[in-house]
Every structure is written in C-alpha cells, then in structure tokens.
C-alpha cells in the first residue's frame, strides 16, 4: 500500500515520501516533506477510501439509481435499505476518520511550524482544512450526528460522543472560509489534483445550499462560475484528466488502472450482466433527445433484457491513465446557483442556469415563464440526470429535500422505513467507544 501511495504522490509533484513514512517531528520543518504529507491525504482518499466505490456506489444503491445483480448480502442490504450496523461497506465509509486524522495532524504541524515558506505554509494549511471539511460533509450527510474530531490526541478522540449536525456544518463552514483565504486561485500542481481557492469555494457553495443559506450559496457559486478558469466540456470529455470543467479531481493511485467507477460499472464482457445496472426508473427519466443517455450510459442485452449501466468513466483497465476521479465540477455550480436563485424567487435566473446545462445535453431551453413549482421540478430533473451515479448526489438530494419517503418508499415499499435515510453507526465503533449512540431504527 505504501509503495502504491508513494508512486501516486510522486505523480502529484516531485517530493519526498508522504507523512506516514516519515517522523512526524521532522515532516513540517521542510517545504517538500510538508507538501508530501498533504499529498498523502489525497492518496489515502483514493486508495484506502476508494471514493468511486464507497461514495458513489453505496449511495447509488441506497437511492433509486442502481440495483445489484449478484449475491453479496452487504450490497443487497444497501439496495434494499436494510443496512446492518455490521455492514463492512458502510463501516468503511466511517473510516473517513482516518483521513480526518491525517488532516488534523497536518493542520497542527503546519500551524506550529516556523520553518515553512509563508506562501507554501498558507497553501498547505488551506488544503488540510479543505480536506477535513470534505470528509465531514459526507460523514454528516450519510450518518447524521457524528463525533467532531479536531485533534490527534487519542485520549480525547477515543471517547468522543456524537456532535450535533449543525455543529459539524458550522465547523465545515469555518474550515472552508479559512481555506478560501489561504489558498491561491492558481493550482499548486500539474492538473487539478490539489485544491485551489475555487475548490474550497465550490464545496462551500454546496454546504450553504444544504444549509438553506440561499444568498450565500448563490454568491459562492457565482464566484466560481465567474472566475474564468472553468468552462463546460463536451459530454465525452467531462471526466477526462484534462477536462476544463474539473474543479478538483483525485488521481488514480495505481499507475496502471483508471477509475473505480469504470471497474465497478462496466461489464467484463458483452455477455455479462452488469453487476450494478441503472434502475429502469432512472433510465426512463431521461428526456427524448438527451445526449447524456448515449454519452454517459452503456447498455447490453442479455436474454432479451436490456441492462443500462453508468458509463461516465469508460476506462477501468490497464494502459495509460486518462481518467481522473472528478470530485467537483462546474456543472454542479450552475445547478447550485439555479436552486439558490429559485429559492429567492429569481425564476428567470434559475431557468437561465438550467438552460446552460440543458444546452450542453442537446435539449431545448425551458420557458422563462415557468411557475415556481415547474421550476422546482425542472431543477430536480436536471440534478438527477446531470449528477447520476456521481458521489452520492441523488441520495443526498432526496434526503435534504424531504423526498426520500415519497420516492424510495414507492420504489421499495416492502423494505423502506423513514429511519433508513441515515446509515447505522458501525457496531465495531460503538463497541470500541461506548459513548457513541446508534441512529434510530437500528
């Protein structure tokens, strides 16, 4: 694992080994080793916590995007919304705390260091704060109240109880606001594998949206859109490593493999049923003439039945690495701004943003005279289709808009309960820390 992570780190920037191979007392006395510590966080996100598997696949099964066609009971639990506290996959998502520990270690070490070049010190501290906020975004939205860990002191961390979700969100806003001020507008490395100012701004726009702070969400999304650094790519190039739509991406840590999405979703042969095909409900939700259906889904016919599967990422195997895992991209910022504008009764502005996304997909423009309800329905449609099978957007949207009971309840009436909207706290964590309570329904 260390060898793979190290190989990946060297591709980010030519630096010394990451923090987990160095004496922590020495890491933050040198620009290169401190940078290596930060880069190690991103390698950990992509290797120890395969973002494409745990943050795309699992929420997709919980929502109305994906079905499972094999016999792993743990995946079946997620697809049926009957997840057990012993489920190893949701337990692995809770393992994001290991990345938070790395971020906390970097934050503490960087802040105490008097040896780092000032500009590099600011950049690295901003990256660490952003990384911590990114991890907490998924923890709080998937599990609800979670422990707020901001130190590396195990004597404190081992017995922490769950902090309220609003407290976690406020910590995210604090971290991202600080990161904005510290990070440069330019990317510090080749490609967009390390955050810049607009990366922090993009995630902050999303956090404000989820917090119903509409004016703030619009302001932050507009700042990204108006930065002049990004533009919508053609549908076939959105998820390539050099896409100009990308705001932040994770580099595959194995130099001979591309993305986990492609490996998980694309069948191994024309005669193989996809392991995680799209639901018929999602396939039928595409409007006639929507080019995203042909560009971003694949299909195969087995025994007379057509199976569609996610095909945003098309290269999972060996050879050259041409696809990086896109975590933040410009299209989402238009959708964030559209929703924020709609909520502030700016229907014309909201429809304008939706039409930018629709035009890229080859669809006709929506009327500027839509009613508020029609605009809300159009927004939900565009978010569902544009962001499907992508880092859990659909699952989180259903929950934050209070539509999970209606949508998932109708799709899975035999197994769905309102309490399934939050995954269970892993039982192994509760055994290790009796201060952790369980979510309702488990």
Protein backbone atom coordinates (compact mmCIF):
# COMPACT_ATOMS: atom_id res chain seq x y z
CA UNK A 1 0.00 0.00 0.00
CA UNK A 2 2.77 2.40 0.91
CA UNK A 3 4.55 1.72 -2.37
CA UNK A 4 1.42 2.45 -4.40
CA UNK A 5 0.70 5.61 -2.42
CA UNK A 6 4.26 6.78 -2.83
CA UNK A 7 4.16 6.22 -6.59
CA UNK A 8 0.99 8.26 -6.76
CA UNK A 9 2.42 11.04 -4.61
CA UNK A 10 5.37 11.42 -6.94
CA UNK A 11 2.97 11.97 -9.82
CA UNK A 12 1.30 14.83 -7.97
CA UNK A 13 4.60 16.64 -7.52
CA UNK A 14 8.21 15.51 -7.16
CA UNK A 15 8.55 15.41 -3.40
CA UNK A 16 9.71 13.18 -0.57
CA UNK A 17 7.64 10.28 0.87
CA UNK A 18 4.26 11.03 2.48
CA UNK A 19 3.75 11.64 6.18
CA UNK A 20 3.02 8.01 7.06
CA UNK A 21 6.60 7.12 6.10
CA UNK A 22 8.28 9.96 8.00
CA UNK A 23 8.97 11.00 11.55
CA UNK A 24 6.15 13.42 12.34
CA UNK A 25 8.54 15.72 14.21
CA UNK A 26 10.53 16.24 11.02
CA UNK A 27 7.74 16.47 8.45
CA UNK A 28 6.84 20.12 8.90
CA UNK A 29 10.34 21.54 9.02
CA UNK A 30 10.73 21.39 5.24
CA UNK A 31 8.52 22.55 2.36
CA UNK A 32 8.92 19.30 0.42
CA UNK A 33 8.13 16.90 3.23
CA UNK A 34 5.21 19.04 4.41
CA UNK A 35 3.82 19.01 0.87
CA UNK A 36 4.26 15.25 0.80
CA UNK A 37 2.14 14.99 3.94
CA UNK A 38 -0.70 16.86 2.27
CA UNK A 39 -0.44 14.85 -0.94
CA UNK A 40 -0.66 11.70 1.18
CA UNK A 41 -4.18 12.74 2.20
CA UNK A 42 -5.38 12.59 -1.40
CA UNK A 43 -3.72 9.24 -1.99
CA UNK A 44 -5.49 7.96 1.10
CA UNK A 45 -8.85 9.23 -0.17
CA UNK A 46 -8.42 7.38 -3.45
CA UNK A 47 -6.72 4.22 -2.15
CA UNK A 48 -7.70 3.49 1.45
CA UNK A 49 -11.15 5.01 0.89
CA UNK A 50 -11.91 4.33 -2.80
CA UNK A 51 -14.11 7.36 -3.36
CA UNK A 52 -15.62 5.94 -6.53
CA UNK A 53 -16.73 2.80 -4.71
CA UNK A 54 -17.87 3.97 -1.32
CA UNK A 55 -19.14 7.47 -2.08
CA UNK A 56 -20.65 6.74 -5.50
CA UNK A 57 -21.68 3.09 -5.49
CA UNK A 58 -23.12 2.73 -1.98
CA UNK A 59 -25.37 5.85 -2.00
CA UNK A 60 -26.46 4.92 -5.52
CA UNK A 61 -27.73 1.59 -4.20
CA UNK A 62 -29.47 3.26 -1.26
CA UNK A 63 -31.21 5.69 -3.63
CA UNK A 64 -33.13 4.99 -6.84
CA UNK A 65 -30.12 4.88 -9.17
CA UNK A 66 -28.56 1.42 -9.03
CA UNK A 67 -29.61 -2.18 -8.48
CA UNK A 68 -27.41 -5.11 -7.56
CA UNK A 69 -27.49 -8.33 -9.59
CA UNK A 70 -25.20 -10.63 -7.62
CA UNK A 71 -25.27 -12.25 -4.18
CA UNK A 72 -23.13 -10.22 -1.75
CA UNK A 73 -25.53 -9.73 1.17
CA UNK A 74 -23.87 -6.49 2.21
CA UNK A 75 -24.63 -4.87 -1.16
CA UNK A 76 -28.13 -6.35 -1.04
CA UNK A 77 -28.67 -4.64 2.32
CA UNK A 78 -27.81 -1.28 0.81
CA UNK A 79 -30.00 -1.87 -2.22
CA UNK A 80 -32.94 -2.87 -0.01
CA UNK A 81 -32.29 -0.15 2.60
CA UNK A 82 -31.96 -2.82 5.30
CA UNK A 83 -28.40 -1.99 6.27
CA UNK A 84 -26.97 -3.69 9.34
CA UNK A 85 -24.63 -1.95 11.81
CA UNK A 86 -22.20 -4.76 10.95
CA UNK A 87 -22.17 -3.92 7.23
CA UNK A 88 -18.48 -3.64 6.28
CA UNK A 89 -19.09 -1.20 3.42
CA UNK A 90 -20.82 1.49 5.44
CA UNK A 91 -18.23 0.76 8.11
CA UNK A 92 -15.55 1.57 5.57
CA UNK A 93 -17.17 4.94 4.90
CA UNK A 94 -16.96 5.69 8.62
CA UNK A 95 -13.26 5.02 8.09
CA UNK A 96 -13.06 8.52 6.60
CA UNK A 97 -11.98 9.38 10.13
CA UNK A 98 -8.52 8.07 9.27
CA UNK A 99 -8.29 10.80 6.62
CA UNK A 100 -9.57 13.35 9.12
CA UNK A 101 -6.79 12.24 11.47
CA UNK A 102 -4.24 12.89 8.72
CA UNK A 103 -5.76 16.31 8.05
CA UNK A 104 -5.72 17.18 11.76
CA UNK A 105 -2.10 16.09 12.01
CA UNK A 106 -1.19 18.32 9.08
CA UNK A 107 -3.17 21.28 10.45
CA UNK A 108 -1.43 21.04 13.80
CA UNK A 109 2.02 20.52 12.33
CA UNK A 110 1.71 23.30 9.76
CA UNK A 111 0.34 25.83 12.25
CA UNK A 112 3.18 25.17 14.71
CA UNK A 113 5.91 25.23 12.09
CA UNK A 114 8.15 28.27 11.77
CA UNK A 115 10.30 26.70 9.05
CA UNK A 116 7.93 26.63 6.08
CA UNK A 117 7.96 29.23 3.33
CA UNK A 118 5.00 31.54 4.12
CA UNK A 119 3.18 31.09 0.81
CA UNK A 120 3.59 27.32 0.92
CA UNK A 121 2.53 27.24 4.56
CA UNK A 122 -0.71 29.05 3.68
CA UNK A 123 -1.39 26.77 0.72
CA UNK A 124 -0.80 23.58 2.68
CA UNK A 125 -2.88 24.71 5.64
CA UNK A 126 -5.72 25.64 3.30
CA UNK A 127 -5.57 22.22 1.65
CA UNK A 128 -5.68 20.44 5.00
CA UNK A 129 -8.68 22.49 6.15
CA UNK A 130 -10.48 21.81 2.88
CA UNK A 131 -9.78 18.08 3.17
CA UNK A 132 -11.21 17.93 6.67
CA UNK A 133 -14.37 19.76 5.58
CA UNK A 134 -14.79 17.44 2.59
CA UNK A 135 -14.64 14.38 4.84
CA UNK A 136 -17.14 15.81 7.31
CA UNK A 137 -19.54 16.70 4.51
CA UNK A 138 -20.03 13.03 3.73
CA UNK A 139 -19.99 11.81 7.31
CA UNK A 140 -22.70 14.19 8.49
CA UNK A 141 -24.90 13.67 5.42
CA UNK A 142 -24.66 9.88 5.49
CA UNK A 143 -24.70 9.20 9.24
CA UNK A 144 -26.20 12.36 10.78
CA UNK A 145 -24.65 13.42 14.09
CA UNK A 146 -21.03 12.25 14.26
CA UNK A 147 -18.06 12.90 16.55
CA UNK A 148 -16.31 16.19 15.79
CA UNK A 149 -12.62 15.32 15.85
CA UNK A 150 -10.25 18.26 15.54
CA UNK A 151 -7.23 16.91 17.38
CA UNK A 152 -4.83 13.98 17.12
CA UNK A 153 -4.97 13.28 20.86
CA UNK A 154 -6.28 9.71 21.12
CA UNK A 155 -7.16 10.24 24.78
CA UNK A 156 -9.79 12.71 23.63
CA UNK A 157 -10.82 11.07 20.38
CA UNK A 158 -11.38 7.58 21.78
CA UNK A 159 -14.30 8.65 23.96
CA UNK A 160 -15.94 11.41 21.92
CA UNK A 161 -19.72 11.32 21.67
CA UNK A 162 -21.67 12.45 18.62
CA UNK A 163 -21.80 16.19 17.96
CA UNK A 164 -24.97 17.72 16.52
CA UNK A 165 -25.15 18.06 12.76
CA UNK A 166 -25.43 21.88 12.90
CA UNK A 167 -22.19 21.97 14.89
CA UNK A 168 -20.45 19.82 12.28
CA UNK A 169 -21.77 22.04 9.48
CA UNK A 170 -20.52 25.17 11.24
CA UNK A 171 -17.06 23.58 11.53
CA UNK A 172 -17.14 22.86 7.81
CA UNK A 173 -18.05 26.47 7.03
CA UNK A 174 -15.28 27.72 9.32
CA UNK A 175 -12.71 25.42 7.72
CA UNK A 176 -13.74 26.28 4.16
CA UNK A 177 -13.84 30.02 4.81
CA UNK A 178 -10.32 29.86 6.22
CA UNK A 179 -9.22 27.68 3.31
CA UNK A 180 -10.59 30.24 0.83
CA UNK A 181 -8.44 32.95 2.37
CA UNK A 182 -5.33 30.77 2.44
CA UNK A 183 -5.46 29.04 -0.93
CA UNK A 184 -4.16 30.53 -4.17
CA UNK A 185 -6.52 30.98 -7.13
CA UNK A 186 -3.96 29.00 -9.14
CA UNK A 187 -3.46 25.27 -8.83
CA UNK A 188 -0.25 24.34 -6.96
CA UNK A 189 0.47 21.26 -9.10
CA UNK A 190 0.03 19.93 -12.59
CA UNK A 191 -3.60 19.29 -13.47
CA UNK A 192 -6.22 19.86 -10.78
CA UNK A 193 -5.34 17.21 -8.24
CA UNK A 194 -4.69 19.61 -5.37
CA UNK A 195 -7.26 22.20 -4.23
CA UNK A 196 -7.11 25.90 -5.02
CA UNK A 197 -9.25 28.78 -3.80
CA UNK A 198 -12.10 27.87 -6.14
CA UNK A 199 -12.12 24.29 -4.89
CA UNK A 200 -12.86 25.50 -1.37
CA UNK A 201 -15.40 27.97 -2.75
CA UNK A 202 -17.20 25.21 -4.68
CA UNK A 203 -17.59 22.99 -1.64
CA UNK A 204 -18.63 25.99 0.45
CA UNK A 205 -21.36 26.77 -2.09
CA UNK A 206 -22.64 23.20 -1.68
CA UNK A 207 -22.56 23.40 2.11
CA UNK A 208 -24.51 26.67 2.04
CA UNK A 209 -27.05 25.10 -0.32
CA UNK A 210 -27.56 22.16 2.02
CA UNK A 211 -27.96 24.65 4.89
CA UNK A 212 -30.64 26.63 3.02
CA UNK A 213 -28.44 29.74 3.04
CA UNK A 214 -29.58 30.64 -0.45
CA UNK A 215 -27.92 34.03 -0.89
CA UNK A 216 -24.59 32.68 0.33
CA UNK A 217 -24.86 29.63 -1.95
CA UNK A 218 -25.59 31.84 -4.95
CA UNK A 219 -22.70 34.17 -4.13
CA UNK A 220 -20.15 31.37 -3.78
CA UNK A 221 -21.31 29.51 -6.90
CA UNK A 222 -21.24 32.75 -8.90
CA UNK A 223 -17.68 33.40 -7.78
CA UNK A 224 -16.59 30.04 -9.21
CA UNK A 225 -18.57 30.46 -12.42
CA UNK A 226 -17.23 33.99 -12.94
CA UNK A 227 -13.63 33.09 -12.11
CA UNK A 228 -12.95 32.50 -15.80
CA UNK A 229 -10.93 29.40 -15.01
CA UNK A 230 -13.55 26.80 -15.92
CA UNK A 231 -15.87 26.01 -18.82
CA UNK A 232 -18.32 23.22 -19.59
CA UNK A 233 -16.66 20.43 -21.56
CA UNK A 234 -18.20 18.26 -24.25
CA UNK A 235 -20.06 15.29 -22.78
CA UNK A 236 -17.35 12.87 -23.89
CA UNK A 237 -14.55 14.75 -22.15
CA UNK A 238 -16.13 15.80 -18.82
CA UNK A 239 -14.42 13.02 -16.87
CA UNK A 240 -11.04 13.01 -18.59
CA UNK A 241 -7.93 14.06 -16.70
CA UNK A 242 -7.58 17.29 -18.69
CA UNK A 243 -11.22 18.38 -18.64
CA UNK A 244 -11.60 22.13 -18.23
CA UNK A 245 -14.84 21.55 -16.35
CA UNK A 246 -12.99 19.94 -13.46
CA UNK A 247 -12.59 21.98 -10.29
CA UNK A 248 -10.98 19.20 -8.25
CA UNK A 249 -10.07 15.63 -9.14
CA UNK A 250 -8.33 12.69 -7.50
CA UNK A 251 -5.57 10.91 -9.37
CA UNK A 252 -5.82 7.10 -9.51
CA UNK A 253 -3.19 5.73 -7.14
CA UNK A 254 -2.46 2.64 -9.21
CA UNK A 255 -0.45 3.79 -12.23
CA UNK A 256 -1.96 1.01 -14.37
CA UNK A 257 -5.64 1.50 -13.54
CA UNK A 258 -8.09 4.31 -14.15
CA UNK A 259 -11.20 4.82 -12.02
CA UNK A 260 -13.10 2.62 -9.60
CA UNK A 261 -16.36 3.63 -11.30
CA UNK A 262 -15.29 2.13 -14.60
CA UNK A 263 -14.10 -1.05 -12.88
CA UNK A 264 -17.32 -1.41 -10.87
CA UNK A 265 -19.85 -0.47 -13.52
CA UNK A 266 -18.63 -1.69 -16.92
CA UNK A 267 -19.34 -5.40 -17.58
CA UNK A 268 -16.30 -7.58 -18.20
CA UNK A 269 -17.72 -8.94 -21.46
CA UNK A 270 -20.70 -8.38 -23.81
CA UNK A 271 -22.38 -11.48 -22.38
CA UNK A 272 -22.05 -10.46 -18.72
CA UNK A 273 -24.93 -8.88 -16.83
CA UNK A 274 -23.73 -5.62 -15.25
CA UNK A 275 -23.21 -6.01 -11.54
CA UNK A 276 -24.68 -2.58 -10.79
CA UNK A 277 -27.08 -1.59 -13.59
CA UNK A 278 -29.18 1.55 -13.54
CA UNK A 279 -32.77 1.32 -12.35
CA UNK A 280 -35.42 1.33 -15.06
CA UNK A 281 -36.90 4.36 -13.30
CA UNK A 282 -33.71 6.35 -13.86
CA UNK A 283 -33.31 5.27 -17.49
CA UNK A 284 -36.90 6.26 -18.20
CA UNK A 285 -36.33 9.66 -16.59
CA UNK A 286 -34.09 10.83 -19.46
CA UNK A 287 -35.96 13.15 -21.82
CA UNK A 288 -36.12 12.20 -25.51
CA UNK A 289 -33.08 13.60 -27.26
CA UNK A 290 -30.99 13.94 -24.08
CA UNK A 291 -27.46 13.21 -25.26
CA UNK A 292 -26.42 12.26 -21.74
CA UNK A 293 -28.24 8.95 -22.17
CA UNK A 294 -25.99 7.92 -25.06
CA UNK A 295 -22.79 9.58 -23.79
CA UNK A 296 -22.98 8.63 -20.11
CA UNK A 297 -24.70 5.24 -20.09
CA UNK A 298 -23.82 1.93 -21.67
CA UNK A 299 -26.19 -0.92 -22.37
CA UNK A 300 -26.12 -4.59 -23.10
CA UNK A 301 -28.89 -7.07 -23.92
CA UNK A 302 -28.83 -10.39 -22.08
CA UNK A 303 -31.57 -12.93 -22.63
CA UNK A 304 -33.70 -10.36 -24.35
CA UNK A 305 -33.48 -7.91 -21.45
CA UNK A 306 -31.66 -4.58 -21.82
CA UNK A 307 -29.39 -3.55 -18.97
CA UNK A 308 -28.15 0.04 -18.76
CA UNK A 309 -25.14 0.93 -16.63
CA UNK A 310 -23.21 4.11 -15.73
CA UNK A 311 -20.66 4.95 -18.42
CA UNK A 312 -19.38 8.35 -17.39
CA UNK A 313 -15.99 6.74 -16.84
CA UNK A 314 -15.04 4.45 -19.70
CA UNK A 315 -11.55 3.17 -18.92
CA UNK A 316 -11.07 0.93 -15.93
CA UNK A 317 -8.26 -1.36 -17.00
CA UNK A 318 -4.58 -1.12 -17.72
CA UNK A 319 -2.66 1.05 -20.11
CA UNK A 320 -2.40 4.80 -19.90
CA UNK A 321 -4.36 6.67 -17.23
CA UNK A 322 -6.66 9.13 -19.00
CA UNK A 323 -9.49 9.46 -16.50
CA UNK A 324 -9.15 11.01 -13.06
CA UNK A 325 -11.87 10.85 -10.44
CA UNK A 326 -13.77 14.14 -10.78
CA UNK A 327 -15.00 15.25 -7.37
CA UNK A 328 -16.07 18.85 -8.03
CA UNK A 329 -17.03 20.24 -11.44
CA UNK A 330 -18.54 23.36 -12.94
CA UNK A 331 -21.94 21.91 -13.89
CA UNK A 332 -22.78 21.40 -10.22
CA UNK A 333 -22.09 25.07 -9.54
CA UNK A 334 -24.67 26.09 -12.16
CA UNK A 335 -27.16 23.74 -10.52
CA UNK A 336 -26.37 25.12 -7.07
CA UNK A 337 -26.88 28.66 -8.30
CA UNK A 338 -30.09 27.72 -10.08
CA UNK A 339 -31.56 26.26 -6.90
CA UNK A 340 -30.40 29.18 -4.77
CA UNK A 341 -31.93 31.63 -7.24
CA UNK A 342 -35.18 29.69 -7.38
CA UNK A 343 -35.44 29.73 -3.59
CA UNK A 344 -35.03 33.51 -3.71
CA UNK A 345 -37.85 33.81 -6.28
CA UNK A 346 -35.45 34.61 -9.12
CA UNK A 347 -37.12 32.21 -11.56
CA UNK A 348 -35.63 33.86 -14.62
CA UNK A 349 -32.08 33.46 -13.28
CA UNK A 350 -32.71 29.88 -12.20
CA UNK A 351 -34.10 28.88 -15.59
CA UNK A 352 -31.16 30.57 -17.29
CA UNK A 353 -28.71 28.40 -15.37
CA UNK A 354 -30.72 25.23 -16.05
CA UNK A 355 -30.77 26.04 -19.75
CA UNK A 356 -26.96 26.22 -19.81
CA UNK A 357 -26.85 22.63 -18.58
CA UNK A 358 -29.64 21.54 -20.92
CA UNK A 359 -27.97 23.10 -23.96
CA UNK A 360 -24.84 21.04 -23.34
CA UNK A 361 -27.06 17.93 -23.27
CA UNK A 362 -28.69 18.82 -26.59
CA UNK A 363 -32.07 19.71 -25.07
CA UNK A 364 -34.34 22.65 -25.86
CA UNK A 365 -34.47 25.61 -23.49
CA UNK A 366 -37.05 25.80 -20.75
CA UNK A 367 -39.55 28.62 -20.86
CA UNK A 368 -38.69 31.72 -18.85
CA UNK A 369 -42.32 31.84 -17.71
CA UNK A 370 -42.24 28.64 -15.65
CA UNK A 371 -44.11 28.69 -12.37
CA UNK A 372 -42.16 28.17 -9.12
CA UNK A 373 -43.42 24.57 -8.92
CA UNK A 374 -42.47 23.89 -12.53
CA UNK A 375 -39.03 25.37 -11.92
CA UNK A 376 -38.54 23.18 -8.85
CA UNK A 377 -39.49 20.08 -10.86
CA UNK A 378 -37.13 21.07 -13.69
CA UNK A 379 -34.32 21.61 -11.20
CA UNK A 380 -34.87 18.21 -9.60
CA UNK A 381 -34.84 16.63 -13.05
CA UNK A 382 -31.58 18.30 -14.10
CA UNK A 383 -29.81 17.41 -10.85
CA UNK A 384 -30.96 13.81 -11.15
CA UNK A 385 -29.79 13.37 -14.73
CA UNK A 386 -26.64 15.51 -14.69
CA UNK A 387 -25.27 14.09 -11.44
CA UNK A 388 -26.47 10.48 -11.54
CA UNK A 389 -24.08 7.80 -10.21
CA UNK A 390 -21.73 10.54 -9.08
CA UNK A 391 -20.60 10.82 -5.46
CA UNK A 392 -24.00 10.25 -3.88
CA UNK A 393 -25.71 13.42 -5.12
CA UNK A 394 -29.07 11.77 -5.75
CA UNK A 395 -29.21 10.06 -2.33
CA UNK A 396 -28.30 13.27 -0.53
CA UNK A 397 -30.73 15.33 -2.62
CA UNK A 398 -33.65 13.04 -1.78
CA UNK A 399 -32.91 13.36 1.91
CA UNK A 400 -32.27 17.11 2.11
CA UNK A 401 -35.42 17.89 0.10
CA UNK A 402 -37.53 15.52 2.23
CA UNK A 403 -38.45 13.37 -0.77
CA UNK A 404 -36.84 10.11 0.32
CA UNK A 405 -40.03 8.76 1.88
CA UNK A 406 -42.02 9.50 -1.27
CA UNK A 407 -39.52 8.33 -3.87
CA UNK A 408 -37.76 5.44 -2.15
CA UNK A 409 -40.91 4.42 -0.31
CA UNK A 410 -42.69 3.96 -3.65
CA UNK A 411 -39.75 2.14 -5.23
CA UNK A 412 -39.04 -0.19 -2.29
CA UNK A 413 -42.30 -0.33 -0.29
CA UNK A 414 -41.54 -3.69 1.32
CA UNK A 415 -38.31 -2.60 2.99
CA UNK A 416 -38.14 1.21 3.21
CA UNK A 417 -38.52 2.97 6.57
CA UNK A 418 -38.09 6.68 7.26
CA UNK A 419 -35.17 5.94 9.55
CA UNK A 420 -33.28 4.34 6.64
CA UNK A 421 -32.37 7.84 5.46
CA UNK A 422 -29.33 7.61 7.76
CA UNK A 423 -26.93 4.71 7.70
CA UNK A 424 -26.23 2.94 11.02
CA UNK A 425 -23.25 3.82 13.16
CA UNK A 426 -20.90 0.82 12.75
CA UNK A 427 -21.24 -1.58 15.64
CA UNK A 428 -17.47 -2.07 15.84
CA UNK A 429 -17.10 1.66 16.53
CA UNK A 430 -19.76 1.57 19.24
CA UNK A 431 -18.06 -1.41 20.85
CA UNK A 432 -14.75 0.47 20.89
CA UNK A 433 -16.37 3.69 22.08
CA UNK A 434 -19.44 3.24 24.33
CA UNK A 435 -20.09 7.00 24.10
CA UNK A 436 -21.42 6.52 20.57
CA UNK A 437 -25.18 6.19 20.32
CA UNK A 438 -26.98 4.43 17.46
CA UNK A 439 -29.26 6.02 14.87
CA UNK A 440 -32.96 5.36 15.22
CA UNK A 441 -34.29 2.24 13.56
CA UNK A 442 -31.17 0.09 14.08
